[in-house]
């Protein structure tokens, strides 16, 4: 994290957002370290300490229930 100017005391960050492709693979992360937000971090740039997994359910564009909620 040194190249991003993040002090060692803020080395543990929080995921703010992540991309997700159709295969369920995360491409990049936006993370917050102290008061610094770093965008588009690759997994290879991170050293996971605590991993919290969650699910995203498949969205169908032709789902009638979803169309009603958007209107």
Protein backbone atom coordinates (compact mmCIF):
# COMPACT_ATOMS: atom_id res chain seq x y z
CA UNK A 1 0.00 0.00 0.00
CA UNK A 2 3.07 2.18 0.15
CA UNK A 3 2.71 3.15 -3.52
CA UNK A 4 -0.74 4.58 -2.73
CA UNK A 5 0.56 6.64 0.18
CA UNK A 6 -1.25 4.58 2.81
CA UNK A 7 0.31 4.55 6.25
CA UNK A 8 0.98 1.16 7.86
CA UNK A 9 -1.52 1.98 10.61
CA UNK A 10 -4.28 2.02 7.93
CA UNK A 11 -3.06 -1.07 6.10
CA UNK A 12 -6.35 -2.91 6.73
CA UNK A 13 -9.00 -1.53 4.44
CA UNK A 14 -12.70 -1.92 3.83
CA UNK A 15 -14.23 -2.95 0.51
CA UNK A 16 -16.59 -0.27 -0.75
CA UNK A 17 -17.46 -1.89 -4.09
CA UNK A 18 -16.35 -4.67 -6.39
CA UNK A 19 -17.02 -5.59 -9.99
CA UNK A 20 -18.59 -8.93 -10.82
CA UNK A 21 -18.71 -10.64 -14.20
CA UNK A 22 -21.23 -13.20 -15.47
CA UNK A 23 -19.10 -16.06 -14.13
CA UNK A 24 -19.06 -14.65 -10.61
CA UNK A 25 -15.43 -13.54 -10.81
CA UNK A 26 -14.45 -10.24 -9.20
CA UNK A 27 -12.24 -8.08 -11.40
CA UNK A 28 -11.46 -4.99 -9.34
CA UNK A 29 -12.16 -3.54 -5.91
CA UNK A 30 -12.68 -0.02 -4.58
CA UNK A 31 -11.37 0.12 -1.01
CA UNK A 32 -11.04 2.61 1.82
CA UNK A 33 -7.90 2.74 3.98
CA UNK A 34 -8.36 5.29 6.76
CA UNK A 35 -9.47 8.44 4.89
CA UNK A 36 -8.00 7.32 1.57
CA UNK A 37 -10.11 5.65 -1.13
CA UNK A 38 -8.25 3.57 -3.72
CA UNK A 39 -10.18 2.53 -6.81
CA UNK A 40 -9.67 -0.34 -9.24
CA UNK A 41 -7.40 -2.50 -7.08
CA UNK A 42 -6.73 -5.96 -8.44
CA UNK A 43 -6.90 -8.97 -6.14
CA UNK A 44 -3.19 -9.46 -6.78
CA UNK A 45 -2.56 -6.04 -5.18
CA UNK A 46 -4.24 -7.11 -1.92
CA UNK A 47 -3.36 -9.35 0.99
CA UNK A 48 -6.73 -10.56 2.33
CA UNK A 49 -6.84 -10.80 6.11
CA UNK A 50 -10.56 -11.16 6.74
CA UNK A 51 -12.71 -12.48 3.93
CA UNK A 52 -16.47 -11.96 4.05
CA UNK A 53 -18.24 -13.75 1.27
CA UNK A 54 -21.71 -12.97 0.05
CA UNK A 55 -23.88 -13.87 -2.92
CA UNK A 56 -25.31 -11.93 -5.79
CA UNK A 57 -28.32 -13.54 -7.40
CA UNK A 58 -28.63 -13.66 -11.16
CA UNK A 59 -30.68 -10.85 -12.66
CA UNK A 60 -32.82 -11.52 -15.68
CA UNK A 61 -33.57 -8.48 -17.82
CA UNK A 62 -36.78 -10.11 -18.98
CA UNK A 63 -38.04 -10.80 -15.43
CA UNK A 64 -41.60 -9.38 -15.22
CA UNK A 65 -41.40 -8.83 -11.44
CA UNK A 66 -38.23 -6.78 -11.86
CA UNK A 67 -39.79 -4.65 -14.60
CA UNK A 68 -42.71 -3.80 -12.28
CA UNK A 69 -40.34 -2.70 -9.48
CA UNK A 70 -38.40 -0.41 -11.81
CA UNK A 71 -41.52 1.39 -13.08
